[in-house]
C-alpha atoms as a PDB file:
ATOM      1  CA  MET A   1       0.000   0.000   0.000  1.00  0.00           C
ATOM      2  CA  GLY A   2       1.258   3.464  -0.860  1.00  0.00           C
ATOM      3  CA  LEU A   3       1.988   5.922   1.858  1.00  0.00           C
ATOM      4  CA  LYS A   4      -0.586   8.679   2.261  1.00  0.00           C
ATOM      5  CA  ARG A   5       0.775  12.170   1.886  1.00  0.00           C
ATOM      6  CA  LYS A   6       0.271  14.445   4.890  1.00  0.00           C
ATOM      7  CA  THR A   7      -1.899  17.483   4.405  1.00  0.00           C
ATOM      8  CA  THR A   8       0.236  20.526   5.129  1.00  0.00           C
ATOM      9  CA  ILE A   9      -0.662  24.131   5.904  1.00  0.00           C
ATOM     10  CA  SER A  10       0.339  25.027   2.355  1.00  0.00           C
ATOM     11  CA  ASP A  11      -2.212  22.529   1.004  1.00  0.00           C
ATOM     12  CA  VAL A  12      -4.942  24.039   3.173  1.00  0.00           C
ATOM     13  CA  VAL A  13      -4.075  27.540   1.970  1.00  0.00           C
ATOM     14  CA  ILE A  14      -4.149  26.372  -1.663  1.00  0.00           C
ATOM     15  CA  TYR A  15      -7.532  24.680  -1.163  1.00  0.00           C
ATOM     16  CA  ILE A  16      -8.962  27.835   0.423  1.00  0.00           C
ATOM     17  CA  ILE A  17      -7.663  29.993  -2.431  1.00  0.00           C
ATOM     18  CA  MET A  18      -9.097  27.597  -5.047  1.00  0.00           C
ATOM     19  CA  ILE A  19     -12.479  27.545  -3.305  1.00  0.00           C
ATOM     20  CA  LEU A  20     -12.526  31.349  -3.208  1.00  0.00           C
ATOM     21  CA  LEU A  21     -11.627  31.538  -6.907  1.00  0.00           C
ATOM     22  CA  LEU A  22     -14.352  29.004  -7.707  1.00  0.00           C
ATOM     23  CA  ALA A  23     -16.857  31.081  -5.746  1.00  0.00           C
ATOM     24  CA  LEU A  24     -15.786  34.243  -7.578  1.00  0.00           C
ATOM     25  CA  CYS A  25     -16.515  32.487 -10.874  1.00  0.00           C
ATOM     26  CA  LEU A  26     -19.764  30.762  -9.900  1.00  0.00           C
ATOM     27  CA  ILE A  27     -21.519  33.418  -7.823  1.00  0.00           C
ATOM     28  CA  PRO A  28     -21.919  35.953 -10.692  1.00  0.00           C
ATOM     29  CA  LEU A  29     -23.261  33.207 -12.962  1.00  0.00           C
ATOM     30  CA  LEU A  30     -25.673  31.919 -10.336  1.00  0.00           C
ATOM     31  CA  ASN A  31     -26.766  35.479  -9.564  1.00  0.00           C
ATOM     32  CA  THR A  32     -27.463  36.174 -13.247  1.00  0.00           C
ATOM     33  CA  LEU A  33     -29.379  32.910 -13.578  1.00  0.00           C
ATOM     34  CA  ALA A  34     -31.429  33.683 -10.461  1.00  0.00           C
ATOM     35  CA  ILE A  35     -32.264  37.173 -11.726  1.00  0.00           C
ATOM     36  CA  SER A  36     -33.421  35.779 -15.060  1.00  0.00           C
ATOM     37  CA  PHE A  37     -35.970  33.585 -13.227  1.00  0.00           C
ATOM     38  CA  SER A  38     -37.128  36.300 -10.809  1.00  0.00           C
ATOM     39  CA  ASP A  39     -39.913  38.784 -11.258  1.00  0.00           C
ATOM     40  CA  LYS A  40     -39.370  42.417 -12.186  1.00  0.00           C
ATOM     41  CA  LEU A  41     -39.927  43.958  -8.759  1.00  0.00           C
ATOM     42  CA  SER A  42     -37.678  41.536  -6.866  1.00  0.00           C
ATOM     43  CA  ALA A  43     -34.836  41.909  -9.354  1.00  0.00           C
ATOM     44  CA  GLY A  44     -35.152  45.697  -9.446  1.00  0.00           C
ATOM     45  CA  ALA A  45     -35.166  45.913  -5.645  1.00  0.00           C
ATOM     46  CA  GLY A  46     -31.929  43.938  -5.400  1.00  0.00           C
ATOM     47  CA  ARG A  47     -33.504  41.100  -3.412  1.00  0.00           C
ATOM     48  CA  VAL A  48     -32.085  38.355  -5.640  1.00  0.00           C
ATOM     49  CA  PHE A  49     -28.743  36.735  -4.850  1.00  0.00           C
ATOM     50  CA  ILE A  50     -28.231  33.141  -6.030  1.00  0.00           C
ATOM     51  CA  TRP A  51     -31.809  31.910  -5.710  1.00  0.00           C
ATOM     52  CA  PRO A  52     -34.824  33.203  -7.696  1.00  0.00           C
ATOM     53  CA  VAL A  53     -37.385  35.327  -5.847  1.00  0.00           C
ATOM     54  CA  ASN A  54     -40.989  35.009  -7.072  1.00  0.00           C
ATOM     55  CA  PHE A  55     -40.020  32.497  -9.731  1.00  0.00           C
ATOM     56  CA  THR A  56     -41.106  33.297 -13.296  1.00  0.00           C
ATOM     57  CA  ILE A  57     -40.137  32.245 -16.810  1.00  0.00           C
ATOM     58  CA  ASN A  58     -41.683  35.259 -18.533  1.00  0.00           C
ATOM     59  CA  PRO A  59     -38.320  36.663 -19.737  1.00  0.00           C
ATOM     60  CA  TYR A  60     -37.615  33.401 -21.569  1.00  0.00           C
ATOM     61  CA  LYS A  61     -41.130  33.346 -23.013  1.00  0.00           C
ATOM     62  CA  GLU A  62     -40.605  36.840 -24.373  1.00  0.00           C
ATOM     63  CA  LEU A  63     -37.420  35.695 -26.107  1.00  0.00           C
ATOM     64  CA  LEU A  64     -38.755  32.434 -27.496  1.00  0.00           C
ATOM     65  CA  LYS A  65     -42.099  33.594 -28.824  1.00  0.00           C
ATOM     66  CA  ASP A  66     -40.509  35.796 -31.489  1.00  0.00           C
ATOM     67  CA  ALA A  67     -39.925  33.979 -34.795  1.00  0.00           C
ATOM     68  CA  ALA A  68     -36.931  36.231 -35.486  1.00  0.00           C
ATOM     69  CA  PHE A  69     -35.193  34.721 -32.469  1.00  0.00           C
ATOM     70  CA  GLY A  70     -35.266  31.217 -33.951  1.00  0.00           C
ATOM     71  CA  LYS A  71     -34.027  32.461 -37.310  1.00  0.00           C
ATOM     72  CA  SER A  72     -31.149  34.383 -35.750  1.00  0.00           C
ATOM     73  CA  PHE A  73     -30.239  31.282 -33.754  1.00  0.00           C
ATOM     74  CA  LEU A  74     -29.966  29.274 -36.984  1.00  0.00           C
ATOM     75  CA  VAL A  75     -27.879  32.026 -38.586  1.00  0.00           C
ATOM     76  CA  SER A  76     -25.436  31.827 -35.670  1.00  0.00           C
ATOM     77  CA  ILE A  77     -25.269  28.035 -35.929  1.00  0.00           C
ATOM     78  CA  GLU A  78     -24.507  28.348 -39.651  1.00  0.00           C
ATOM     79  CA  ARG A  79     -21.877  30.981 -38.927  1.00  0.00           C
ATOM     80  CA  VAL A  80     -20.171  28.854 -36.282  1.00  0.00           C
ATOM     81  CA  LEU A  81     -20.079  25.709 -38.437  1.00  0.00           C
ATOM     82  CA  LEU A  82     -19.001  27.477 -41.619  1.00  0.00           C
ATOM     83  CA  GLY A  83     -16.588  29.854 -39.918  1.00  0.00           C
ATOM     84  CA  GLY A  84     -15.046  27.133 -37.770  1.00  0.00           C
ATOM     85  CA  ALA A  85     -14.432  24.835 -40.745  1.00  0.00           C
ATOM     86  CA  ILE A  86     -12.895  27.595 -42.881  1.00  0.00           C
ATOM     87  CA  THR A  87     -10.749  28.855 -40.015  1.00  0.00           C
ATOM     88  CA  VAL A  88      -9.338  25.424 -39.176  1.00  0.00           C
ATOM     89  CA  VAL A  89      -8.500  24.715 -42.837  1.00  0.00           C
ATOM     90  CA  LEU A  90      -6.823  28.108 -43.312  1.00  0.00           C
ATOM     91  CA  LEU A  91      -4.887  27.787 -40.059  1.00  0.00           C
ATOM     92  CA  ILE A  92      -3.522  24.364 -41.010  1.00  0.00           C
ATOM     93  CA  LEU A  93      -2.532  25.549 -44.501  1.00  0.00           C
ATOM     94  CA  THR A  94      -0.875  28.656 -43.044  1.00  0.00           C
ATOM     95  CA  ALA A  95       0.879  27.161 -40.037  1.00  0.00           C
ATOM     96  CA  TYR A  96       2.404  24.164 -41.843  1.00  0.00           C
ATOM     97  CA  PRO A  97       4.635  26.007 -44.341  1.00  0.00           C
ATOM     98  CA  ILE A  98       5.745  28.777 -41.957  1.00  0.00           C
ATOM     99  CA  SER A  99       6.783  26.145 -39.416  1.00  0.00           C
ATOM    100  CA  LYS A 100       9.530  25.041 -41.819  1.00  0.00           C
ATOM    101  CA  SER A 101      13.074  26.367 -41.790  1.00  0.00           C
ATOM    102  CA  PRO A 102      14.056  29.071 -44.330  1.00  0.00           C
ATOM    103  CA  GLU A 103      16.021  26.410 -46.255  1.00  0.00           C
ATOM    104  CA  HIS A 104      12.816  24.461 -46.909  1.00  0.00           C
ATOM    105  CA  PHE A 105      10.547  27.487 -47.359  1.00  0.00           C
ATOM    106  CA  ARG A 106      12.365  30.483 -48.825  1.00  0.00           C
ATOM    107  CA  GLY A 107       9.499  32.916 -48.301  1.00  0.00           C
ATOM    108  CA  LYS A 108       9.124  32.131 -44.607  1.00  0.00           C
ATOM    109  CA  SER A 109      10.625  35.393 -43.291  1.00  0.00           C
ATOM    110  CA  PHE A 110       8.432  37.554 -45.514  1.00  0.00           C
ATOM    111  CA  TYR A 111       5.224  35.733 -44.592  1.00  0.00           C
ATOM    112  CA  MET A 112       6.090  35.674 -40.891  1.00  0.00           C
ATOM    113  CA  TRP A 113       6.686  39.423 -40.829  1.00  0.00           C
ATOM    114  CA  PHE A 114       3.541  39.951 -42.867  1.00  0.00           C
ATOM    115  CA  LEU A 115       1.468  37.996 -40.323  1.00  0.00           C
ATOM    116  CA  VAL A 116       3.110  39.707 -37.339  1.00  0.00           C
ATOM    117  CA  VAL A 117       2.421  43.164 -38.793  1.00  0.00           C
ATOM    118  CA  LEU A 118      -1.224  42.222 -39.424  1.00  0.00           C
ATOM    119  CA  TRP A 119      -1.448  40.902 -35.870  1.00  0.00           C
ATOM    120  CA  LEU A 120      -0.036  44.096 -34.347  1.00  0.00           C
ATOM    121  CA  PHE A 121      -1.855  46.458 -36.725  1.00  0.00           C
ATOM    122  CA  PRO A 122      -5.170  44.859 -37.745  1.00  0.00           C
ATOM    123  CA  PRO A 123      -7.183  46.426 -40.580  1.00  0.00           C
ATOM    124  CA  ALA A 124      -9.315  49.395 -39.563  1.00  0.00           C
ATOM    125  CA  LEU A 125     -13.096  49.270 -39.682  1.00  0.00           C
ATOM    126  CA  ILE A 126     -13.664  51.570 -42.662  1.00  0.00           C
ATOM    127  CA  PRO A 127     -11.209  49.788 -45.047  1.00  0.00           C
ATOM    128  CA  SER A 128     -12.678  46.444 -43.986  1.00  0.00           C
ATOM    129  CA  TYR A 129     -16.196  47.674 -44.660  1.00  0.00           C
ATOM    130  CA  VAL A 130     -15.186  49.068 -48.074  1.00  0.00           C
ATOM    131  CA  LEU A 131     -13.532  45.765 -49.009  1.00  0.00           C
ATOM    132  CA  VAL A 132     -16.558  43.707 -47.952  1.00  0.00           C
ATOM    133  CA  THR A 133     -18.803  46.075 -49.935  1.00  0.00           C
ATOM    134  CA  LYS A 134     -16.628  45.888 -53.058  1.00  0.00           C
ATOM    135  CA  LEU A 135     -16.722  42.085 -52.888  1.00  0.00           C
ATOM    136  CA  HIS A 136     -20.552  42.211 -52.711  1.00  0.00           C
ATOM    137  CA  LEU A 137     -20.612  40.331 -49.418  1.00  0.00           C
ATOM    138  CA  ILE A 138     -22.866  42.766 -47.558  1.00  0.00           C
ATOM    139  CA  ASN A 139     -25.948  41.086 -46.079  1.00  0.00           C
ATOM    140  CA  THR A 140     -24.557  37.576 -46.646  1.00  0.00           C
ATOM    141  CA  ILE A 141     -23.223  34.965 -44.253  1.00  0.00           C
ATOM    142  CA  TRP A 142     -19.782  35.399 -45.849  1.00  0.00           C
ATOM    143  CA  SER A 143     -19.480  38.916 -44.452  1.00  0.00           C
ATOM    144  CA  LEU A 144     -19.660  37.377 -40.968  1.00  0.00           C
ATOM    145  CA  VAL A 145     -17.207  34.573 -41.699  1.00  0.00           C
ATOM    146  CA  LEU A 146     -14.452  35.724 -44.063  1.00  0.00           C
ATOM    147  CA  PRO A 147     -13.131  38.960 -42.458  1.00  0.00           C
ATOM    148  CA  GLY A 148     -11.914  37.075 -39.371  1.00  0.00           C
ATOM    149  CA  ALA A 149     -11.315  33.680 -40.942  1.00  0.00           C
ATOM    150  CA  LEU A 150      -7.555  33.632 -40.235  1.00  0.00           C
ATOM    151  CA  PRO A 151      -6.752  34.655 -36.629  1.00  0.00           C
ATOM    152  CA  ILE A 152      -3.013  35.339 -36.510  1.00  0.00           C
ATOM    153  CA  PHE A 153      -2.513  34.338 -32.875  1.00  0.00           C
ATOM    154  CA  SER A 154      -4.104  30.934 -33.536  1.00  0.00           C
ATOM    155  CA  ALA A 155      -1.819  30.467 -36.557  1.00  0.00           C
ATOM    156  CA  ILE A 156       1.238  31.160 -34.373  1.00  0.00           C
ATOM    157  CA  ILE A 157       0.031  28.669 -31.739  1.00  0.00           C
ATOM    158  CA  LEU A 158      -0.422  25.971 -34.382  1.00  0.00           C
ATOM    159  CA  MET A 159       2.888  26.848 -36.064  1.00  0.00           C
ATOM    160  CA  ASN A 160       4.784  26.442 -32.793  1.00  0.00           C
ATOM    161  CA  PHE A 161       3.158  23.065 -32.261  1.00  0.00           C
ATOM    162  CA  TYR A 162       4.254  21.903 -35.721  1.00  0.00           C
ATOM    163  CA  LYS A 163       7.812  22.895 -34.792  1.00  0.00           C
ATOM    164  CA  THR A 164       7.765  20.387 -31.926  1.00  0.00           C
ATOM    165  CA  ILE A 165       7.095  17.457 -34.281  1.00  0.00           C
ATOM    166  CA  PRO A 166      10.401  15.597 -34.864  1.00  0.00           C
ATOM    167  CA  PRO A 167      11.804  16.212 -38.382  1.00  0.00           C
ATOM    168  CA  SER A 168      12.672  12.507 -38.548  1.00  0.00           C
ATOM    169  CA  LEU A 169       8.985  11.679 -39.031  1.00  0.00           C
ATOM    170  CA  GLU A 170       8.799  13.847 -42.128  1.00  0.00           C
ATOM    171  CA  GLU A 171      12.119  12.544 -43.430  1.00  0.00           C
ATOM    172  CA  ALA A 172      10.945   8.935 -43.036  1.00  0.00           C
ATOM    173  CA  ALA A 173       7.726   9.762 -44.896  1.00  0.00           C
ATOM    174  CA  LEU A 174       9.709  11.383 -47.732  1.00  0.00           C
ATOM    175  CA  ILE A 175      11.887   8.286 -48.002  1.00  0.00           C
ATOM    176  CA  ASP A 176       8.729   6.173 -48.274  1.00  0.00           C
ATOM    177  CA  GLY A 177       7.576   8.348 -51.177  1.00  0.00           C
ATOM    178  CA  ALA A 178       4.983  10.510 -49.416  1.00  0.00           C
ATOM    179  CA  GLY A 179       4.324  13.959 -50.832  1.00  0.00           C
ATOM    180  CA  PRO A 180       3.733  17.212 -48.941  1.00  0.00           C
ATOM    181  CA  TRP A 181      -0.058  16.763 -48.839  1.00  0.00           C
ATOM    182  CA  SER A 182       0.235  13.197 -47.533  1.00  0.00           C
ATOM    183  CA  ILE A 183       2.701  14.302 -44.855  1.00  0.00           C
ATOM    184  CA  LEU A 184       0.414  17.139 -43.793  1.00  0.00           C
ATOM    185  CA  LEU A 185      -2.812  15.114 -43.692  1.00  0.00           C
ATOM    186  CA  LYS A 186      -1.460  11.812 -42.385  1.00  0.00           C
ATOM    187  CA  ILE A 187       1.232  12.995 -39.931  1.00  0.00           C
ATOM    188  CA  PHE A 188       0.914  16.641 -38.923  1.00  0.00           C
ATOM    189  CA  VAL A 189      -2.873  16.928 -38.709  1.00  0.00           C
ATOM    190  CA  PRO A 190      -3.427  13.769 -36.588  1.00  0.00           C
ATOM    191  CA  LEU A 191      -0.574  14.716 -34.234  1.00  0.00           C
ATOM    192  CA  SER A 192      -1.845  18.264 -33.842  1.00  0.00           C
ATOM    193  CA  LYS A 193      -5.392  17.406 -32.732  1.00  0.00           C
ATOM    194  CA  PRO A 194      -4.989  19.088 -29.302  1.00  0.00           C
ATOM    195  CA  SER A 195      -3.874  22.392 -30.812  1.00  0.00           C
ATOM    196  CA  ILE A 196      -6.473  22.175 -33.580  1.00  0.00           C
ATOM    197  CA  ALA A 197      -9.152  21.602 -30.939  1.00  0.00           C
ATOM    198  CA  VAL A 198      -7.993  24.721 -29.080  1.00  0.00           C
ATOM    199  CA  VAL A 199      -8.032  27.016 -32.121  1.00  0.00           C
ATOM    200  CA  ALA A 200     -11.363  25.511 -33.199  1.00  0.00           C
ATOM    201  CA  LEU A 201     -12.814  26.293 -29.760  1.00  0.00           C
ATOM    202  CA  TRP A 202     -11.541  29.866 -29.997  1.00  0.00           C
ATOM    203  CA  SER A 203     -13.141  30.186 -33.422  1.00  0.00           C
ATOM    204  CA  ILE A 204     -16.461  28.808 -32.172  1.00  0.00           C
ATOM    205  CA  VAL A 205     -16.521  31.158 -29.192  1.00  0.00           C
ATOM    206  CA  GLY A 206     -15.474  34.142 -31.298  1.00  0.00           C
ATOM    207  CA  ASN A 207     -18.056  33.550 -34.017  1.00  0.00           C
ATOM    208  CA  TRP A 208     -20.818  32.844 -31.520  1.00  0.00           C
ATOM    209  CA  ASN A 209     -20.194  35.832 -29.241  1.00  0.00           C
ATOM    210  CA  ASP A 210     -19.556  38.444 -31.924  1.00  0.00           C
ATOM    211  CA  TYR A 211     -22.420  40.880 -32.421  1.00  0.00           C
ATOM    212  CA  PHE A 212     -20.608  43.851 -33.967  1.00  0.00           C
ATOM    213  CA  ALA A 213     -20.081  42.289 -37.408  1.00  0.00           C
ATOM    214  CA  GLY A 214     -23.829  41.750 -37.724  1.00  0.00           C
ATOM    215  CA  LEU A 215     -24.501  45.401 -36.941  1.00  0.00           C
ATOM    216  CA  ILE A 216     -21.984  46.557 -39.555  1.00  0.00           C
ATOM    217  CA  TYR A 217     -22.332  44.073 -42.411  1.00  0.00           C
ATOM    218  CA  ILE A 218     -25.965  42.898 -42.155  1.00  0.00           C
ATOM    219  CA  PRO A 219     -28.434  45.749 -42.805  1.00  0.00           C
ATOM    220  CA  ASN A 220     -31.340  43.297 -43.112  1.00  0.00           C
ATOM    221  CA  HIS A 221     -32.455  42.507 -39.564  1.00  0.00           C
ATOM    222  CA  ASP A 222     -33.924  39.176 -40.678  1.00  0.00           C
ATOM    223  CA  ASN A 223     -30.375  37.909 -41.338  1.00  0.00           C
ATOM    224  CA  TRP A 224     -28.861  38.995 -38.029  1.00  0.00           C
ATOM    225  CA  PRO A 225     -26.922  36.411 -35.983  1.00  0.00           C
ATOM    226  CA  LEU A 226     -28.137  35.635 -32.480  1.00  0.00           C
ATOM    227  CA  MET A 227     -25.793  37.949 -30.583  1.00  0.00           C
ATOM    228  CA  THR A 228     -26.705  40.908 -32.772  1.00  0.00           C
ATOM    229  CA  TYR A 229     -30.389  40.119 -32.369  1.00  0.00           C
ATOM    230  CA  ILE A 230     -30.090  39.821 -28.587  1.00  0.00           C
ATOM    231  CA  TYR A 231     -28.023  43.008 -28.422  1.00  0.00           C
ATOM    232  CA  SER A 232     -30.758  44.906 -30.233  1.00  0.00           C
ATOM    233  CA  LEU A 233     -33.590  43.605 -28.065  1.00  0.00           C
ATOM    234  CA  SER A 234     -35.263  45.870 -25.575  1.00  0.00           C
ATOM    235  CA  VAL A 235     -38.459  45.463 -23.636  1.00  0.00           C
ATOM    236  CA  SER A 236     -40.856  48.222 -24.591  1.00  0.00           C
ATOM    237  CA  VAL A 237     -44.592  48.609 -24.490  1.00  0.00           C
ATOM    238  CA  ASP A 238     -46.414  49.326 -27.714  1.00  0.00           C
ATOM    239  CA  TYR A 239     -49.274  51.419 -26.406  1.00  0.00           C
ATOM    240  CA  GLN A 240     -51.209  51.168 -29.679  1.00  0.00           C
ATOM    241  CA  SER A 241     -51.400  47.390 -29.319  1.00  0.00           C
ATOM    242  CA  LEU A 242     -52.509  47.393 -25.674  1.00  0.00           C
ATOM    243  CA  ALA A 243     -56.146  47.572 -26.763  1.00  0.00           C
ATOM    244  CA  ASN A 244     -55.769  44.235 -28.563  1.00  0.00           C
ATOM    245  CA  MET A 245     -54.105  42.480 -25.614  1.00  0.00           C
ATOM    246  CA  SER A 246     -55.760  40.523 -22.870  1.00  0.00           C
ATOM    247  CA  GLY A 247     -55.196  41.383 -19.234  1.00  0.00           C
ATOM    248  CA  LYS A 248     -53.003  38.312 -18.844  1.00  0.00           C
ATOM    249  CA  GLU A 249     -50.765  39.312 -21.786  1.00  0.00           C
ATOM    250  CA  ILE A 250     -50.365  42.854 -20.440  1.00  0.00           C
ATOM    251  CA  ALA A 251     -49.451  41.532 -16.990  1.00  0.00           C
ATOM    252  CA  GLN A 252     -46.881  39.185 -18.512  1.00  0.00           C
ATOM    253  CA  MET A 253     -45.294  41.993 -20.533  1.00  0.00           C
ATOM    254  CA  MET A 254     -45.099  44.314 -17.552  1.00  0.00           C
ATOM    255  CA  SER A 255     -43.535  41.582 -15.401  1.00  0.00           C
ATOM    256  CA  VAL A 256     -40.397  41.610 -17.548  1.00  0.00           C
ATOM    257  CA  SER A 257     -37.694  44.211 -16.891  1.00  0.00           C
ATOM    258  CA  ASN A 258     -34.498  44.974 -18.753  1.00  0.00           C
ATOM    259  CA  LEU A 259     -32.524  43.425 -15.894  1.00  0.00           C
ATOM    260  CA  THR A 260     -34.324  40.069 -15.979  1.00  0.00           C
ATOM    261  CA  PHE A 261     -34.494  40.147 -19.777  1.00  0.00           C
ATOM    262  CA  ASN A 262     -30.745  40.765 -20.158  1.00  0.00           C
ATOM    263  CA  SER A 263     -30.006  37.968 -17.705  1.00  0.00           C
ATOM    264  CA  ALA A 264     -32.079  35.613 -19.839  1.00  0.00           C
ATOM    265  CA  LYS A 265     -30.090  36.723 -22.900  1.00  0.00           C
ATOM    266  CA  VAL A 266     -26.817  35.822 -21.197  1.00  0.00           C
ATOM    267  CA  PHE A 267     -27.887  32.281 -20.398  1.00  0.00           C
ATOM    268  CA  ILE A 268     -29.463  31.557 -23.758  1.00  0.00           C
ATOM    269  CA  ALA A 269     -26.203  32.695 -25.342  1.00  0.00           C
ATOM    270  CA  LEU A 270     -24.204  30.402 -23.033  1.00  0.00           C
ATOM    271  CA  ILE A 271     -26.125  27.194 -23.746  1.00  0.00           C
ATOM    272  CA  PRO A 272     -24.428  26.241 -27.077  1.00  0.00           C
ATOM    273  CA  LEU A 273     -20.966  27.000 -25.682  1.00  0.00           C
ATOM    274  CA  LEU A 274     -21.691  24.893 -22.593  1.00  0.00           C
ATOM    275  CA  CYS A 275     -22.663  22.031 -24.912  1.00  0.00           C
ATOM    276  CA  VAL A 276     -19.481  22.289 -27.014  1.00  0.00           C
ATOM    277  CA  TYR A 277     -16.856  22.978 -24.338  1.00  0.00           C
ATOM    278  CA  PRO A 278     -17.011  19.583 -22.517  1.00  0.00           C
ATOM    279  CA  PHE A 279     -16.002  17.801 -25.732  1.00  0.00           C
ATOM    280  CA  LEU A 280     -12.971  20.052 -26.343  1.00  0.00           C
ATOM    281  CA  GLN A 281     -11.829  21.006 -22.837  1.00  0.00           C
ATOM    282  CA  ARG A 282      -9.630  17.903 -22.428  1.00  0.00           C
ATOM    283  CA  TYR A 283      -7.455  19.224 -25.260  1.00  0.00           C
ATOM    284  CA  PHE A 284      -7.483  22.822 -24.048  1.00  0.00           C
ATOM    285  CA  VAL A 285      -4.559  23.022 -21.607  1.00  0.00           C
ATOM    286  CA  GLY A 286      -2.385  20.559 -23.501  1.00  0.00           C
ATOM    287  CA  GLY A 287      -3.001  22.275 -26.812  1.00  0.00           C
ATOM    288  CA  ILE A 288      -2.080  25.706 -25.490  1.00  0.00           C
ATOM    289  CA  VAL A 289       1.044  24.476 -23.680  1.00  0.00           C
ATOM    290  CA  MET A 290       2.339  22.491 -26.634  1.00  0.00           C
ATOM    291  CA  GLY A 291       1.534  25.291 -29.047  1.00  0.00           C
ATOM    292  CA  ALA A 292       3.253  27.873 -26.846  1.00  0.00           C
ATOM    293  CA  VAL A 293       6.584  26.021 -26.847  1.00  0.00           C
ATOM    294  CA  LYS A 294       9.128  27.673 -29.100  1.00  0.00           C
ATOM    295  CA  GLU A 295      12.362  26.072 -30.212  1.00  0.00           C
END
């Protein structure tokens, strides 16, 4: 039987610090969730902490009953799937050649400096908008996907991971008659799954959470992604339509405040990310560490 390690004062201090950090992360989320399920008066009076007061689901009903909400949700799903696939492909095709030595890739220095300059000085909003307009991408899904399809930091992470792969593997494949595409797809891509999972997760989160691109590039509100739609939502009373509402409908509308409504927005926006993260989190730390190593 193995000897049990004694719990020291240092261990106790570390446990206390970790519990405090966990509480700092969880309490705001629990508070937001509780507010989203509380009524207007309780939330506005500051009576809600981590448990709903006067439980209600009216804020969620207000979000879900609008057909535009469902359409914007589908637009965001399409953006995440399309943008994630394009980003991963572009990152692999970019990181592989610039991970080679200058003897194997003569243009490496130029492309590396080009990427670093773009990373430090990203394109301004007006030139980006003019370019998207000239390419006739306004009001299309491509205007949400293509402008940020190649994140430079993710390319550097993946490039550094490729540098850690022993050159002997590539040399052995060349001796066996494998070409560059075979080496990339059969050796580098399978070995780089942790780093690819990390950059894919970053792409998913970035595409899902971004609302600004929808405001700029999508003038038709019917084609807005979910975050842009949620950002634009506000609870307001249309006094001209009150005459056509029942007493129950009016009471339900008035029971929703901006505070409870915004809390509901936050948690609806979190649901897809919470579904995706458990499948990729096991690669997260390893992918970042391996991709951050530089020879």
